Amino acid sequence: MATTLIKSIAVAAVAFAAAAPAFAAEEDTQIWTALNVSTEIGSRGVLSMESQLRLTDDASRAGQYLVRPSIGLKLDATTTVSLGYAYVHTDPAGPAESDEHRIWQQLSYRLAGDGKGVTLTGRSRLEQRWVEGAPDMGWRFRQQLRLTAPLAGRVRAFASSEAFFALDDTSWGQTGGFDRWRNSAGLAVPVGRSITVEPGYTNQWIPRVGQDRVHHIANINISTKF
């Protein structure tokens, strides 16, 4: 029952984000790289480590670095619950650098398909966020839907949409409400038996008072299992 409710909220959340209007925006071209390493623990456990480097300001400088370890438990063949931590170092061109710490809880699940043909999956994540030097904690909810489809051989195409909702206001800058929206498309290309490379494009829209921000992102993700 709880899983069904979360899945229903997930679909509604992304539908709400899709209805949000677009305005004139400040644009930036970026490059995001990510490496995800995972291993199974027994028959139901999963241990993962993800690292990301994000080049910003027309991909001219390292604007953000992220490390995100997690541990997961498979509830069944298509559903996994996870607990994780994230460290995010941000170095914007203008304001001072910041270091953020997050604790997060996540449910990953399959909504349609068998994982071999056309398949729709969901990912619901709740984050608790702290910024060094600031006294309070912020809450944020993230909802992703991802569609994959087979192409030639083992190569698959994918498209995903992820909506972010801030659940409160903080002294360090989080404002409650719709926070941002990421839409991605690309290919998942197996390399050997345990490595998958995913080149793609992501459009990130961040609503702001005055002028919104739009990021055009060339991304490449590498995932490996052992």
C-alpha atoms as a PDB file:
ATOM      1  CA  MET A   1       0.000   0.000   0.000  1.00  0.00           C
ATOM      2  CA  ALA A   2       2.773   2.464   0.952  1.00  0.00           C
ATOM      3  CA  THR A   3       4.710   1.689  -2.213  1.00  0.00           C
ATOM      4  CA  THR A   4       1.602   2.241  -4.360  1.00  0.00           C
ATOM      5  CA  LEU A   5       0.993   5.603  -2.657  1.00  0.00           C
ATOM      6  CA  ILE A   6       4.583   6.745  -3.213  1.00  0.00           C
ATOM      7  CA  LYS A   7       4.387   5.766  -6.887  1.00  0.00           C
ATOM      8  CA  SER A   8       1.180   7.775  -7.288  1.00  0.00           C
ATOM      9  CA  ILE A   9       2.780  10.825  -5.642  1.00  0.00           C
ATOM     10  CA  ALA A  10       5.803  10.371  -7.916  1.00  0.00           C
ATOM     11  CA  VAL A  11       3.766  10.556 -11.121  1.00  0.00           C
ATOM     12  CA  ALA A  12       1.820  13.573  -9.823  1.00  0.00           C
ATOM     13  CA  ALA A  13       5.018  15.402  -8.858  1.00  0.00           C
ATOM     14  CA  VAL A  14       6.563  15.129 -12.320  1.00  0.00           C
ATOM     15  CA  ALA A  15       3.252  16.078 -13.950  1.00  0.00           C
ATOM     16  CA  PHE A  16       3.195  19.231 -11.807  1.00  0.00           C
ATOM     17  CA  ALA A  17       6.731  20.136 -12.871  1.00  0.00           C
ATOM     18  CA  ALA A  18       5.861  19.594 -16.535  1.00  0.00           C
ATOM     19  CA  ALA A  19       3.068  22.160 -16.216  1.00  0.00           C
ATOM     20  CA  ALA A  20       5.414  24.874 -14.898  1.00  0.00           C
ATOM     21  CA  PRO A  21       5.819  27.863 -17.271  1.00  0.00           C
ATOM     22  CA  ALA A  22       9.127  28.907 -18.837  1.00  0.00           C
ATOM     23  CA  PHE A  23      10.472  32.478 -18.784  1.00  0.00           C
ATOM     24  CA  ALA A  24      13.479  34.356 -20.144  1.00  0.00           C
ATOM     25  CA  ALA A  25      16.510  32.863 -18.478  1.00  0.00           C
ATOM     26  CA  GLU A  26      20.220  33.193 -17.859  1.00  0.00           C
ATOM     27  CA  GLU A  27      21.852  30.264 -19.688  1.00  0.00           C
ATOM     28  CA  ASP A  28      25.064  28.336 -19.104  1.00  0.00           C
ATOM     29  CA  THR A  29      26.764  25.447 -20.913  1.00  0.00           C
ATOM     30  CA  GLN A  30      28.176  22.789 -18.611  1.00  0.00           C
ATOM     31  CA  ILE A  31      29.834  19.350 -18.625  1.00  0.00           C
ATOM     32  CA  TRP A  32      28.996  16.822 -15.918  1.00  0.00           C
ATOM     33  CA  THR A  33      30.963  13.601 -15.436  1.00  0.00           C
ATOM     34  CA  ALA A  34      29.978  10.847 -13.018  1.00  0.00           C
ATOM     35  CA  LEU A  35      31.383   7.521 -11.860  1.00  0.00           C
ATOM     36  CA  ASN A  36      29.211   5.039  -9.980  1.00  0.00           C
ATOM     37  CA  VAL A  37      30.630   1.852  -8.476  1.00  0.00           C
ATOM     38  CA  SER A  38      28.364  -0.729  -6.822  1.00  0.00           C
ATOM     39  CA  THR A  39      28.596  -4.195  -5.368  1.00  0.00           C
ATOM     40  CA  GLU A  40      26.090  -6.645  -3.933  1.00  0.00           C
ATOM     41  CA  ILE A  41      26.118  -7.606  -0.252  1.00  0.00           C
ATOM     42  CA  GLY A  42      24.639 -11.056   0.144  1.00  0.00           C
ATOM     43  CA  SER A  43      21.447 -11.725  -1.808  1.00  0.00           C
ATOM     44  CA  ARG A  44      19.601  -8.465  -1.050  1.00  0.00           C
ATOM     45  CA  GLY A  45      22.103  -5.748  -0.121  1.00  0.00           C
ATOM     46  CA  VAL A  46      23.699  -3.164  -2.447  1.00  0.00           C
ATOM     47  CA  LEU A  47      26.626  -0.877  -1.614  1.00  0.00           C
ATOM     48  CA  SER A  48      27.269   2.082  -3.950  1.00  0.00           C
ATOM     49  CA  MET A  49      29.684   4.993  -4.294  1.00  0.00           C
ATOM     50  CA  GLU A  50      29.105   7.844  -6.749  1.00  0.00           C
ATOM     51  CA  SER A  51      31.375  10.794  -7.544  1.00  0.00           C
ATOM     52  CA  GLN A  52      30.648  13.716  -9.864  1.00  0.00           C
ATOM     53  CA  LEU A  53      32.632  16.610 -11.300  1.00  0.00           C
ATOM     54  CA  ARG A  54      30.653  19.463 -12.838  1.00  0.00           C
ATOM     55  CA  LEU A  55      32.346  21.996 -15.121  1.00  0.00           C
ATOM     56  CA  THR A  56      30.401  25.280 -15.194  1.00  0.00           C
ATOM     57  CA  ASP A  57      30.641  28.804 -16.685  1.00  0.00           C
ATOM     58  CA  ASP A  58      30.671  27.566 -20.284  1.00  0.00           C
ATOM     59  CA  ALA A  59      32.492  24.431 -19.052  1.00  0.00           C
ATOM     60  CA  SER A  60      35.580  26.533 -18.286  1.00  0.00           C
ATOM     61  CA  ARG A  61      36.061  25.674 -14.603  1.00  0.00           C
ATOM     62  CA  ALA A  62      35.290  23.102 -11.909  1.00  0.00           C
ATOM     63  CA  GLY A  63      32.204  24.606 -10.310  1.00  0.00           C
ATOM     64  CA  GLN A  64      30.985  21.669  -8.233  1.00  0.00           C
ATOM     65  CA  TYR A  65      32.198  18.324  -6.881  1.00  0.00           C
ATOM     66  CA  LEU A  66      29.981  15.685  -5.294  1.00  0.00           C
ATOM     67  CA  VAL A  67      30.564  12.381  -3.450  1.00  0.00           C
ATOM     68  CA  ARG A  68      27.546  10.191  -2.668  1.00  0.00           C
ATOM     69  CA  PRO A  69      27.869   6.784  -0.923  1.00  0.00           C
ATOM     70  CA  SER A  70      24.804   4.681  -0.112  1.00  0.00           C
ATOM     71  CA  ILE A  71      23.608   1.306   1.088  1.00  0.00           C
ATOM     72  CA  GLY A  72      20.459  -0.342  -0.262  1.00  0.00           C
ATOM     73  CA  LEU A  73      18.157  -3.248   0.473  1.00  0.00           C
ATOM     74  CA  LYS A  74      16.225  -5.042  -2.291  1.00  0.00           C
ATOM     75  CA  LEU A  75      12.618  -5.428  -1.164  1.00  0.00           C
ATOM     76  CA  ASP A  76      11.825  -7.530  -4.243  1.00  0.00           C
ATOM     77  CA  ALA A  77      13.105  -7.991  -7.799  1.00  0.00           C
ATOM     78  CA  THR A  78      12.062  -4.472  -8.878  1.00  0.00           C
ATOM     79  CA  THR A  79      12.108  -2.351  -5.691  1.00  0.00           C
ATOM     80  CA  THR A  80      15.070  -1.125  -3.612  1.00  0.00           C
ATOM     81  CA  VAL A  81      15.128   1.119  -0.547  1.00  0.00           C
ATOM     82  CA  SER A  82      18.370   3.031   0.134  1.00  0.00           C
ATOM     83  CA  LEU A  83      20.009   5.249   2.744  1.00  0.00           C
ATOM     84  CA  GLY A  84      22.853   7.550   1.759  1.00  0.00           C
ATOM     85  CA  TYR A  85      25.047  10.572   2.425  1.00  0.00           C
ATOM     86  CA  ALA A  86      26.249  13.278   0.032  1.00  0.00           C
ATOM     87  CA  TYR A  87      29.041  15.835   0.286  1.00  0.00           C
ATOM     88  CA  VAL A  88      28.725  18.707  -2.203  1.00  0.00           C
ATOM     89  CA  HIS A  89      31.440  21.336  -2.662  1.00  0.00           C
ATOM     90  CA  THR A  90      30.294  24.317  -4.728  1.00  0.00           C
ATOM     91  CA  ASP A  91      32.636  27.011  -6.075  1.00  0.00           C
ATOM     92  CA  PRO A  92      30.550  29.583  -7.984  1.00  0.00           C
ATOM     93  CA  ALA A  93      32.176  32.337 -10.007  1.00  0.00           C
ATOM     94  CA  GLY A  94      30.682  35.089  -7.860  1.00  0.00           C
ATOM     95  CA  PRO A  95      29.658  34.219  -4.265  1.00  0.00           C
ATOM     96  CA  ALA A  96      31.828  32.424  -1.733  1.00  0.00           C
ATOM     97  CA  GLU A  97      32.434  28.680  -1.856  1.00  0.00           C
ATOM     98  CA  SER A  98      30.156  26.384   0.148  1.00  0.00           C
ATOM     99  CA  ASP A  99      30.253  22.867   1.549  1.00  0.00           C
ATOM    100  CA  GLU A 100      26.961  21.022   1.864  1.00  0.00           C
ATOM    101  CA  HIS A 101      26.177  17.755   3.641  1.00  0.00           C
ATOM    102  CA  ARG A 102      23.090  15.659   2.949  1.00  0.00           C
ATOM    103  CA  ILE A 103      21.463  12.597   4.445  1.00  0.00           C
ATOM    104  CA  TRP A 104      18.941  11.009   2.091  1.00  0.00           C
ATOM    105  CA  GLN A 105      16.419   8.182   1.871  1.00  0.00           C
ATOM    106  CA  GLN A 106      15.333   6.710  -1.459  1.00  0.00           C
ATOM    107  CA  LEU A 107      12.900   4.250  -2.996  1.00  0.00           C
ATOM    108  CA  SER A 108      13.662   2.911  -6.509  1.00  0.00           C
ATOM    109  CA  TYR A 109      11.005   0.892  -8.320  1.00  0.00           C
ATOM    110  CA  ARG A 110       9.737  -0.345 -11.681  1.00  0.00           C
ATOM    111  CA  LEU A 111       6.453   1.069 -12.930  1.00  0.00           C
ATOM    112  CA  ALA A 112       6.084  -0.758 -16.268  1.00  0.00           C
ATOM    113  CA  GLY A 113       7.969  -3.197 -18.492  1.00  0.00           C
ATOM    114  CA  ASP A 114      10.220  -6.141 -17.789  1.00  0.00           C
ATOM    115  CA  GLY A 115      13.641  -4.456 -17.859  1.00  0.00           C
ATOM    116  CA  LYS A 116      14.434  -5.925 -21.279  1.00  0.00           C
ATOM    117  CA  GLY A 117      11.917  -4.186 -23.537  1.00  0.00           C
ATOM    118  CA  VAL A 118      10.537  -0.683 -23.073  1.00  0.00           C
ATOM    119  CA  THR A 119      10.663  -0.059 -19.316  1.00  0.00           C
ATOM    120  CA  LEU A 120       9.558   2.777 -17.029  1.00  0.00           C
ATOM    121  CA  THR A 121      11.159   3.163 -13.594  1.00  0.00           C
ATOM    122  CA  GLY A 122      10.827   5.662 -10.760  1.00  0.00           C
ATOM    123  CA  ARG A 123      13.082   7.054  -8.050  1.00  0.00           C
ATOM    124  CA  SER A 124      11.747   8.972  -5.016  1.00  0.00           C
ATOM    125  CA  ARG A 125      14.341  10.651  -2.788  1.00  0.00           C
ATOM    126  CA  LEU A 126      13.986  12.694   0.414  1.00  0.00           C
ATOM    127  CA  GLU A 127      16.996  14.816   1.440  1.00  0.00           C
ATOM    128  CA  GLN A 128      18.006  16.574   4.651  1.00  0.00           C
ATOM    129  CA  ARG A 129      20.521  19.326   3.794  1.00  0.00           C
ATOM    130  CA  TRP A 130      23.068  21.247   5.892  1.00  0.00           C
ATOM    131  CA  VAL A 131      25.471  23.966   4.743  1.00  0.00           C
ATOM    132  CA  GLU A 132      28.619  24.553   6.790  1.00  0.00           C
ATOM    133  CA  GLY A 133      28.456  27.812   8.727  1.00  0.00           C
ATOM    134  CA  ALA A 134      24.636  27.978   8.684  1.00  0.00           C
ATOM    135  CA  PRO A 135      22.502  26.914  11.668  1.00  0.00           C
ATOM    136  CA  ASP A 136      19.449  25.222  10.128  1.00  0.00           C
ATOM    137  CA  MET A 137      18.572  22.172   8.041  1.00  0.00           C
ATOM    138  CA  GLY A 138      16.575  22.114   4.798  1.00  0.00           C
ATOM    139  CA  TRP A 139      14.267  19.383   3.509  1.00  0.00           C
ATOM    140  CA  ARG A 140      13.931  18.585  -0.208  1.00  0.00           C
ATOM    141  CA  PHE A 141      12.022  15.962  -2.189  1.00  0.00           C
ATOM    142  CA  ARG A 142      13.188  14.719  -5.598  1.00  0.00           C
ATOM    143  CA  GLN A 143      11.156  12.626  -8.012  1.00  0.00           C
ATOM    144  CA  GLN A 144      12.555  11.009 -11.155  1.00  0.00           C
ATOM    145  CA  LEU A 145      10.874   8.997 -13.918  1.00  0.00           C
ATOM    146  CA  ARG A 146      13.115   7.186 -16.413  1.00  0.00           C
ATOM    147  CA  LEU A 147      12.106   5.458 -19.658  1.00  0.00           C
ATOM    148  CA  THR A 148      14.469   3.050 -21.417  1.00  0.00           C
ATOM    149  CA  ALA A 149      14.110   1.191 -24.715  1.00  0.00           C
ATOM    150  CA  PRO A 150      16.332  -1.329 -26.538  1.00  0.00           C
ATOM    151  CA  LEU A 151      18.198  -0.287 -29.680  1.00  0.00           C
ATOM    152  CA  ALA A 152      20.819  -2.328 -31.562  1.00  0.00           C
ATOM    153  CA  GLY A 153      22.366  -5.201 -29.631  1.00  0.00           C
ATOM    154  CA  ARG A 154      22.641  -4.407 -25.922  1.00  0.00           C
ATOM    155  CA  VAL A 155      22.545  -0.619 -26.397  1.00  0.00           C
ATOM    156  CA  ARG A 156      19.513   1.131 -24.884  1.00  0.00           C
ATOM    157  CA  ALA A 157      18.131   4.638 -25.291  1.00  0.00           C
ATOM    158  CA  PHE A 158      16.910   6.490 -22.221  1.00  0.00           C
ATOM    159  CA  ALA A 159      14.953   9.613 -21.327  1.00  0.00           C
ATOM    160  CA  SER A 160      14.378  10.871 -17.796  1.00  0.00           C
ATOM    161  CA  SER A 161      12.647  13.708 -15.990  1.00  0.00           C
ATOM    162  CA  GLU A 162      13.379  14.746 -12.395  1.00  0.00           C
ATOM    163  CA  ALA A 163      11.508  17.390 -10.398  1.00  0.00           C
ATOM    164  CA  PHE A 164      12.890  18.928  -7.173  1.00  0.00           C
ATOM    165  CA  PHE A 165      10.662  20.377  -4.435  1.00  0.00           C
ATOM    166  CA  ALA A 166      12.061  22.325  -1.457  1.00  0.00           C
ATOM    167  CA  LEU A 167       9.876  21.643   1.576  1.00  0.00           C
ATOM    168  CA  ASP A 168      10.932  24.626   3.702  1.00  0.00           C
ATOM    169  CA  ASP A 169      12.935  27.874   3.815  1.00  0.00           C
ATOM    170  CA  THR A 170      16.455  28.111   5.226  1.00  0.00           C
ATOM    171  CA  SER A 171      18.835  30.888   6.251  1.00  0.00           C
ATOM    172  CA  TRP A 172      21.380  29.696   3.664  1.00  0.00           C
ATOM    173  CA  GLY A 173      19.149  30.223   0.645  1.00  0.00           C
ATOM    174  CA  GLN A 174      16.665  27.376   0.147  1.00  0.00           C
ATOM    175  CA  THR A 175      13.153  28.648  -0.594  1.00  0.00           C
ATOM    176  CA  GLY A 176      10.159  26.387  -0.184  1.00  0.00           C
ATOM    177  CA  GLY A 177       8.370  25.309  -3.357  1.00  0.00           C
ATOM    178  CA  PHE A 178       9.310  24.036  -6.791  1.00  0.00           C
ATOM    179  CA  ASP A 179      13.133  24.110  -6.869  1.00  0.00           C
ATOM    180  CA  ARG A 180      14.317  22.838 -10.270  1.00  0.00           C
ATOM    181  CA  TRP A 181      13.570  20.477 -13.145  1.00  0.00           C
ATOM    182  CA  ARG A 182      16.029  18.220 -15.010  1.00  0.00           C
ATOM    183  CA  ASN A 183      15.263  16.488 -18.303  1.00  0.00           C
ATOM    184  CA  SER A 184      17.798  14.122 -19.845  1.00  0.00           C
ATOM    185  CA  ALA A 185      18.190  11.883 -22.892  1.00  0.00           C
ATOM    186  CA  GLY A 186      20.999   9.659 -24.106  1.00  0.00           C
ATOM    187  CA  LEU A 187      22.306   6.155 -24.651  1.00  0.00           C
ATOM    188  CA  ALA A 188      23.314   3.353 -22.282  1.00  0.00           C
ATOM    189  CA  VAL A 189      26.218   1.483 -23.903  1.00  0.00           C
ATOM    190  CA  PRO A 190      27.561  -1.684 -22.216  1.00  0.00           C
ATOM    191  CA  VAL A 191      31.364  -1.979 -22.294  1.00  0.00           C
ATOM    192  CA  GLY A 192      32.348  -5.500 -21.364  1.00  0.00           C
ATOM    193  CA  ARG A 193      30.322  -7.446 -18.821  1.00  0.00           C
ATOM    194  CA  SER A 194      30.199  -5.019 -15.893  1.00  0.00           C
ATOM    195  CA  ILE A 195      30.681  -1.455 -17.214  1.00  0.00           C
ATOM    196  CA  THR A 196      28.042   0.796 -18.783  1.00  0.00           C
ATOM    197  CA  VAL A 197      28.783   4.191 -20.329  1.00  0.00           C
ATOM    198  CA  GLU A 198      25.937   6.692 -20.663  1.00  0.00           C
ATOM    199  CA  PRO A 199      26.598   9.768 -22.849  1.00  0.00           C
ATOM    200  CA  GLY A 200      23.715  12.215 -22.983  1.00  0.00           C
ATOM    201  CA  TYR A 201      22.287  15.718 -22.719  1.00  0.00           C
ATOM    202  CA  THR A 202      20.538  17.290 -19.710  1.00  0.00           C
ATOM    203  CA  ASN A 203      18.491  20.469 -19.600  1.00  0.00           C
ATOM    204  CA  GLN A 204      18.160  21.932 -16.107  1.00  0.00           C
ATOM    205  CA  TRP A 205      15.682  24.733 -15.412  1.00  0.00           C
ATOM    206  CA  ILE A 206      15.973  26.607 -12.090  1.00  0.00           C
ATOM    207  CA  PRO A 207      13.184  29.139 -11.407  1.00  0.00           C
ATOM    208  CA  ARG A 208      14.365  32.319  -9.703  1.00  0.00           C
ATOM    209  CA  VAL A 209      12.893  35.701  -8.753  1.00  0.00           C
ATOM    210  CA  GLY A 210      13.564  37.845 -11.787  1.00  0.00           C
ATOM    211  CA  GLN A 211      15.508  35.815 -14.324  1.00  0.00           C
ATOM    212  CA  ASP A 212      15.433  32.009 -14.279  1.00  0.00           C
ATOM    213  CA  ARG A 213      18.508  29.870 -14.949  1.00  0.00           C
ATOM    214  CA  VAL A 214      18.784  27.262 -17.702  1.00  0.00           C
ATOM    215  CA  HIS A 215      21.757  24.904 -17.900  1.00  0.00           C
ATOM    216  CA  HIS A 216      22.628  22.984 -21.068  1.00  0.00           C
ATOM    217  CA  ILE A 217      24.661  20.012 -19.888  1.00  0.00           C
ATOM    218  CA  ALA A 218      26.713  17.468 -21.815  1.00  0.00           C
ATOM    219  CA  ASN A 219      27.018  14.550 -19.428  1.00  0.00           C
ATOM    220  CA  ILE A 220      28.785  11.212 -19.393  1.00  0.00           C
ATOM    221  CA  ASN A 221      28.110   8.666 -16.667  1.00  0.00           C
ATOM    222  CA  ILE A 222      30.140   5.510 -16.123  1.00  0.00           C
ATOM    223  CA  SER A 223      28.672   2.707 -13.986  1.00  0.00           C
ATOM    224  CA  THR A 224      30.434  -0.468 -12.952  1.00  0.00           C
ATOM    225  CA  LYS A 225      29.427  -3.458 -10.826  1.00  0.00           C
ATOM    226  CA  PHE A 226      31.638  -6.034  -9.191  1.00  0.00           C
END
